[in-house]
C-alpha atoms as a PDB file:
ATOM      1  CA  UNK A   1       3.608  52.027 -32.822  1.00  0.00           C
ATOM      2  CA  UNK A   2       4.545  50.096 -29.459  1.00  0.00           C
ATOM      3  CA  UNK A   3       2.837  50.327 -26.749  1.00  0.00           C
ATOM      4  CA  UNK A   4       4.034  48.921 -23.278  1.00  0.00           C
ATOM      5  CA  UNK A   5       2.290  46.477 -20.799  1.00  0.00           C
ATOM      6  CA  UNK A   6      -0.913  49.250 -20.054  1.00  0.00           C
ATOM      7  CA  UNK A   7      -1.093  49.648 -23.426  1.00  0.00           C
ATOM      8  CA  UNK A   8       0.063  53.175 -23.654  1.00  0.00           C
ATOM      9  CA  UNK A   9       2.246  54.302 -26.651  1.00  0.00           C
ATOM     10  CA  UNK A  10       6.005  54.581 -26.012  1.00  0.00           C
ATOM     11  CA  UNK A  11       7.706  57.060 -27.450  1.00  0.00           C
ATOM     12  CA  UNK A  12      11.197  55.497 -27.519  1.00  0.00           C
ATOM     13  CA  UNK A  13      10.611  51.775 -28.406  1.00  0.00           C
ATOM     14  CA  UNK A  14      14.204  50.980 -27.516  1.00  0.00           C
ATOM     15  CA  UNK A  15      14.667  53.091 -24.865  1.00  0.00           C
ATOM     16  CA  UNK A  16      11.355  51.610 -23.110  1.00  0.00           C
ATOM     17  CA  UNK A  17      13.090  48.034 -24.019  1.00  0.00           C
ATOM     18  CA  UNK A  18      16.650  48.743 -22.499  1.00  0.00           C
ATOM     19  CA  UNK A  19      14.006  50.330 -19.189  1.00  0.00           C
ATOM     20  CA  UNK A  20      12.798  47.242 -19.103  1.00  0.00           C
ATOM     21  CA  UNK A  21      15.036  44.076 -19.391  1.00  0.00           C
ATOM     22  CA  UNK A  22      17.718  46.592 -17.396  1.00  0.00           C
ATOM     23  CA  UNK A  23      20.421  45.828 -20.148  1.00  0.00           C
ATOM     24  CA  UNK A  24      21.751  48.775 -22.444  1.00  0.00           C
ATOM     25  CA  UNK A  25      22.863  46.443 -25.260  1.00  0.00           C
ATOM     26  CA  UNK A  26      19.180  45.426 -26.962  1.00  0.00           C
ATOM     27  CA  UNK A  27      17.943  47.057 -29.504  1.00  0.00           C
ATOM     28  CA  UNK A  28      14.766  47.357 -30.682  1.00  0.00           C
ATOM     29  CA  UNK A  29      14.594  47.025 -35.102  1.00  0.00           C
ATOM     30  CA  UNK A  30      12.045  46.692 -37.811  1.00  0.00           C
ATOM     31  CA  UNK A  31      12.379  43.280 -39.246  1.00  0.00           C
ATOM     32  CA  UNK A  32      13.394  42.944 -42.221  1.00  0.00           C
ATOM     33  CA  UNK A  33      12.328  40.310 -45.451  1.00  0.00           C
ATOM     34  CA  UNK A  34      13.502  37.258 -42.997  1.00  0.00           C
ATOM     35  CA  UNK A  35      11.077  36.685 -40.376  1.00  0.00           C
ATOM     36  CA  UNK A  36      12.755  35.792 -36.995  1.00  0.00           C
ATOM     37  CA  UNK A  37      10.490  33.516 -35.307  1.00  0.00           C
ATOM     38  CA  UNK A  38      11.242  30.050 -34.543  1.00  0.00           C
ATOM     39  CA  UNK A  39       9.137  27.985 -37.081  1.00  0.00           C
ATOM     40  CA  UNK A  40       6.042  29.062 -36.373  1.00  0.00           C
ATOM     41  CA  UNK A  41       4.302  32.469 -34.903  1.00  0.00           C
ATOM     42  CA  UNK A  42       3.691  30.969 -31.095  1.00  0.00           C
ATOM     43  CA  UNK A  43       5.706  28.622 -28.797  1.00  0.00           C
ATOM     44  CA  UNK A  44       4.261  26.920 -25.997  1.00  0.00           C
ATOM     45  CA  UNK A  45       6.000  25.818 -23.127  1.00  0.00           C
ATOM     46  CA  UNK A  46       5.203  24.224 -19.911  1.00  0.00           C
ATOM     47  CA  UNK A  47       6.992  23.950 -16.273  1.00  0.00           C
ATOM     48  CA  UNK A  48       6.463  20.330 -16.474  1.00  0.00           C
ATOM     49  CA  UNK A  49       8.342  20.204 -19.330  1.00  0.00           C
ATOM     50  CA  UNK A  50      10.980  22.378 -17.993  1.00  0.00           C
ATOM     51  CA  UNK A  51      11.305  20.301 -14.469  1.00  0.00           C
ATOM     52  CA  UNK A  52      12.098  17.461 -16.742  1.00  0.00           C
ATOM     53  CA  UNK A  53      14.695  19.040 -18.401  1.00  0.00           C
ATOM     54  CA  UNK A  54      15.968  20.135 -14.763  1.00  0.00           C
ATOM     55  CA  UNK A  55      15.558  16.349 -13.749  1.00  0.00           C
ATOM     56  CA  UNK A  56      17.573  14.690 -16.652  1.00  0.00           C
ATOM     57  CA  UNK A  57      20.339  17.703 -16.256  1.00  0.00           C
ATOM     58  CA  UNK A  58      20.496  18.081 -12.897  1.00  0.00           C
ATOM     59  CA  UNK A  59      24.112  19.802 -13.043  1.00  0.00           C
ATOM     60  CA  UNK A  60      23.286  22.075 -16.114  1.00  0.00           C
ATOM     61  CA  UNK A  61      21.473  25.381 -14.832  1.00  0.00           C
ATOM     62  CA  UNK A  62      17.835  25.362 -17.025  1.00  0.00           C
ATOM     63  CA  UNK A  63      14.778  27.423 -17.347  1.00  0.00           C
ATOM     64  CA  UNK A  64      12.976  28.881 -19.952  1.00  0.00           C
ATOM     65  CA  UNK A  65      15.518  31.535 -21.636  1.00  0.00           C
ATOM     66  CA  UNK A  66      17.065  28.235 -23.362  1.00  0.00           C
ATOM     67  CA  UNK A  67      14.117  28.117 -25.337  1.00  0.00           C
ATOM     68  CA  UNK A  68      12.562  30.856 -25.957  1.00  0.00           C
ATOM     69  CA  UNK A  69       8.753  30.082 -26.000  1.00  0.00           C
ATOM     70  CA  UNK A  70       6.300  33.194 -26.613  1.00  0.00           C
ATOM     71  CA  UNK A  71       4.401  31.408 -23.347  1.00  0.00           C
ATOM     72  CA  UNK A  72       5.143  29.552 -20.358  1.00  0.00           C
ATOM     73  CA  UNK A  73       2.017  27.619 -18.571  1.00  0.00           C
ATOM     74  CA  UNK A  74       2.217  26.946 -15.178  1.00  0.00           C
ATOM     75  CA  UNK A  75       1.221  23.151 -14.916  1.00  0.00           C
ATOM     76  CA  UNK A  76       0.175  21.854 -11.856  1.00  0.00           C
ATOM     77  CA  UNK A  77       2.904  19.299  -9.839  1.00  0.00           C
ATOM     78  CA  UNK A  78       2.794  15.802 -11.375  1.00  0.00           C
ATOM     79  CA  UNK A  79       1.961  16.993 -14.598  1.00  0.00           C
ATOM     80  CA  UNK A  80       3.065  14.459 -17.123  1.00  0.00           C
ATOM     81  CA  UNK A  81       5.997  15.745 -19.268  1.00  0.00           C
ATOM     82  CA  UNK A  82       6.031  16.853 -22.842  1.00  0.00           C
ATOM     83  CA  UNK A  83       2.135  17.123 -22.011  1.00  0.00           C
ATOM     84  CA  UNK A  84       1.875  19.761 -24.881  1.00  0.00           C
ATOM     85  CA  UNK A  85       2.809  17.095 -26.990  1.00  0.00           C
ATOM     86  CA  UNK A  86      -1.158  16.246 -26.320  1.00  0.00           C
ATOM     87  CA  UNK A  87      -2.296  19.994 -27.873  1.00  0.00           C
ATOM     88  CA  UNK A  88      -0.923  19.395 -31.496  1.00  0.00           C
ATOM     89  CA  UNK A  89      -4.132  19.413 -33.362  1.00  0.00           C
ATOM     90  CA  UNK A  90      -6.221  21.123 -31.447  1.00  0.00           C
ATOM     91  CA  UNK A  91      -7.004  24.733 -30.289  1.00  0.00           C
ATOM     92  CA  UNK A  92      -6.936  26.866 -27.308  1.00  0.00           C
ATOM     93  CA  UNK A  93      -7.664  30.626 -26.285  1.00  0.00           C
ATOM     94  CA  UNK A  94      -5.192  32.034 -24.254  1.00  0.00           C
ATOM     95  CA  UNK A  95      -6.967  35.020 -21.597  1.00  0.00           C
ATOM     96  CA  UNK A  96     -10.008  36.337 -22.899  1.00  0.00           C
ATOM     97  CA  UNK A  97     -10.238  36.837 -26.499  1.00  0.00           C
ATOM     98  CA  UNK A  98      -6.877  34.810 -28.351  1.00  0.00           C
ATOM     99  CA  UNK A  99      -7.207  31.873 -30.092  1.00  0.00           C
ATOM    100  CA  UNK A 100      -4.749  30.101 -31.343  1.00  0.00           C
ATOM    101  CA  UNK A 101      -4.121  26.515 -33.225  1.00  0.00           C
ATOM    102  CA  UNK A 102      -1.413  23.967 -32.271  1.00  0.00           C
ATOM    103  CA  UNK A 103       0.701  22.573 -35.034  1.00  0.00           C
ATOM    104  CA  UNK A 104       3.144  20.667 -34.008  1.00  0.00           C
ATOM    105  CA  UNK A 105       6.199  20.466 -32.129  1.00  0.00           C
ATOM    106  CA  UNK A 106       9.526  22.456 -32.903  1.00  0.00           C
ATOM    107  CA  UNK A 107      12.664  20.184 -33.788  1.00  0.00           C
ATOM    108  CA  UNK A 108      15.896  21.831 -31.020  1.00  0.00           C
ATOM    109  CA  UNK A 109      18.635  23.193 -31.794  1.00  0.00           C
ATOM    110  CA  UNK A 110      22.064  24.072 -30.439  1.00  0.00           C
ATOM    111  CA  UNK A 111      20.533  27.377 -29.275  1.00  0.00           C
ATOM    112  CA  UNK A 112      19.383  25.460 -26.447  1.00  0.00           C
ATOM    113  CA  UNK A 113      22.939  25.347 -24.672  1.00  0.00           C
ATOM    114  CA  UNK A 114      24.584  28.578 -26.397  1.00  0.00           C
ATOM    115  CA  UNK A 115      25.412  30.627 -23.351  1.00  0.00           C
ATOM    116  CA  UNK A 116      23.447  33.773 -22.149  1.00  0.00           C
ATOM    117  CA  UNK A 117      23.987  36.237 -19.657  1.00  0.00           C
ATOM    118  CA  UNK A 118      24.245  33.363 -17.060  1.00  0.00           C
ATOM    119  CA  UNK A 119      23.527  30.044 -18.449  1.00  0.00           C
ATOM    120  CA  UNK A 120      26.675  28.493 -19.143  1.00  0.00           C
ATOM    121  CA  UNK A 121      26.938  26.637 -22.658  1.00  0.00           C
ATOM    122  CA  UNK A 122      26.295  22.816 -22.666  1.00  0.00           C
ATOM    123  CA  UNK A 123      24.985  19.960 -24.967  1.00  0.00           C
ATOM    124  CA  UNK A 124      23.696  18.258 -22.360  1.00  0.00           C
ATOM    125  CA  UNK A 125      20.203  20.169 -21.900  1.00  0.00           C
ATOM    126  CA  UNK A 126      20.346  18.979 -26.381  1.00  0.00           C
ATOM    127  CA  UNK A 127      21.282  15.863 -26.025  1.00  0.00           C
ATOM    128  CA  UNK A 128      18.268  14.681 -23.033  1.00  0.00           C
ATOM    129  CA  UNK A 129      15.840  15.660 -24.896  1.00  0.00           C
ATOM    130  CA  UNK A 130      17.172  14.510 -28.265  1.00  0.00           C
ATOM    131  CA  UNK A 131      17.157  10.804 -26.759  1.00  0.00           C
ATOM    132  CA  UNK A 132      14.102  11.329 -24.452  1.00  0.00           C
ATOM    133  CA  UNK A 133      11.682  12.973 -27.121  1.00  0.00           C
ATOM    134  CA  UNK A 134      13.233  13.233 -30.712  1.00  0.00           C
ATOM    135  CA  UNK A 135      14.732  16.302 -30.162  1.00  0.00           C
ATOM    136  CA  UNK A 136      10.830  18.066 -30.225  1.00  0.00           C
ATOM    137  CA  UNK A 137      10.142  20.498 -27.378  1.00  0.00           C
ATOM    138  CA  UNK A 138       7.223  22.501 -27.026  1.00  0.00           C
ATOM    139  CA  UNK A 139       3.698  23.263 -28.844  1.00  0.00           C
ATOM    140  CA  UNK A 140       3.835  25.660 -31.901  1.00  0.00           C
ATOM    141  CA  UNK A 141       0.661  27.529 -33.170  1.00  0.00           C
ATOM    142  CA  UNK A 142      -0.191  29.729 -35.249  1.00  0.00           C
ATOM    143  CA  UNK A 143      -2.889  32.941 -34.286  1.00  0.00           C
ATOM    144  CA  UNK A 144      -6.664  32.378 -35.344  1.00  0.00           C
ATOM    145  CA  UNK A 145      -7.608  35.372 -33.325  1.00  0.00           C
ATOM    146  CA  UNK A 146      -5.541  38.183 -32.050  1.00  0.00           C
ATOM    147  CA  UNK A 147      -5.547  40.182 -28.529  1.00  0.00           C
ATOM    148  CA  UNK A 148      -3.693  41.070 -25.825  1.00  0.00           C
ATOM    149  CA  UNK A 149      -1.870  38.211 -23.311  1.00  0.00           C
ATOM    150  CA  UNK A 150      -1.503  39.044 -19.947  1.00  0.00           C
ATOM    151  CA  UNK A 151       0.929  36.962 -17.106  1.00  0.00           C
ATOM    152  CA  UNK A 152      -1.610  34.756 -15.391  1.00  0.00           C
ATOM    153  CA  UNK A 153      -4.095  34.288 -17.839  1.00  0.00           C
ATOM    154  CA  UNK A 154      -5.314  30.949 -18.589  1.00  0.00           C
ATOM    155  CA  UNK A 155      -4.483  28.867 -21.280  1.00  0.00           C
ATOM    156  CA  UNK A 156      -7.828  26.962 -22.151  1.00  0.00           C
ATOM    157  CA  UNK A 157      -7.316  23.960 -24.656  1.00  0.00           C
ATOM    158  CA  UNK A 158     -10.750  23.351 -27.349  1.00  0.00           C
END
């Protein structure tokens, strides 16, 4: 059963997803035998990391869609890029109940440069990350305690 962001059951998940995204070209389907999450179940990215990419490739439109994070953490101005590296090996709480364990970062691939909606194809993003940060970008985690996370919930490191 699928639930909307207010916790109400959704009768037609595909119709709900299409309406929510404002797109007719998506479909919600049960995952088969092959898992489709990237490397680990939770990917966390910071706005500090995104700001670094924007400075590294100023002529390329960059936003979080290029990296497909599950969670985007808004960091204060002046936060150093790649602060996520310091989280590896630590646990964190998201919102009131969710607990995650940071295990490593993602090794990025050509998906960061794929064209999508209003983002053009580019190899510059991946080249910048490969050159500056050994092709690593985000923090990957497993879920220790499941629950609900809402926009605006804090991430608190343990």
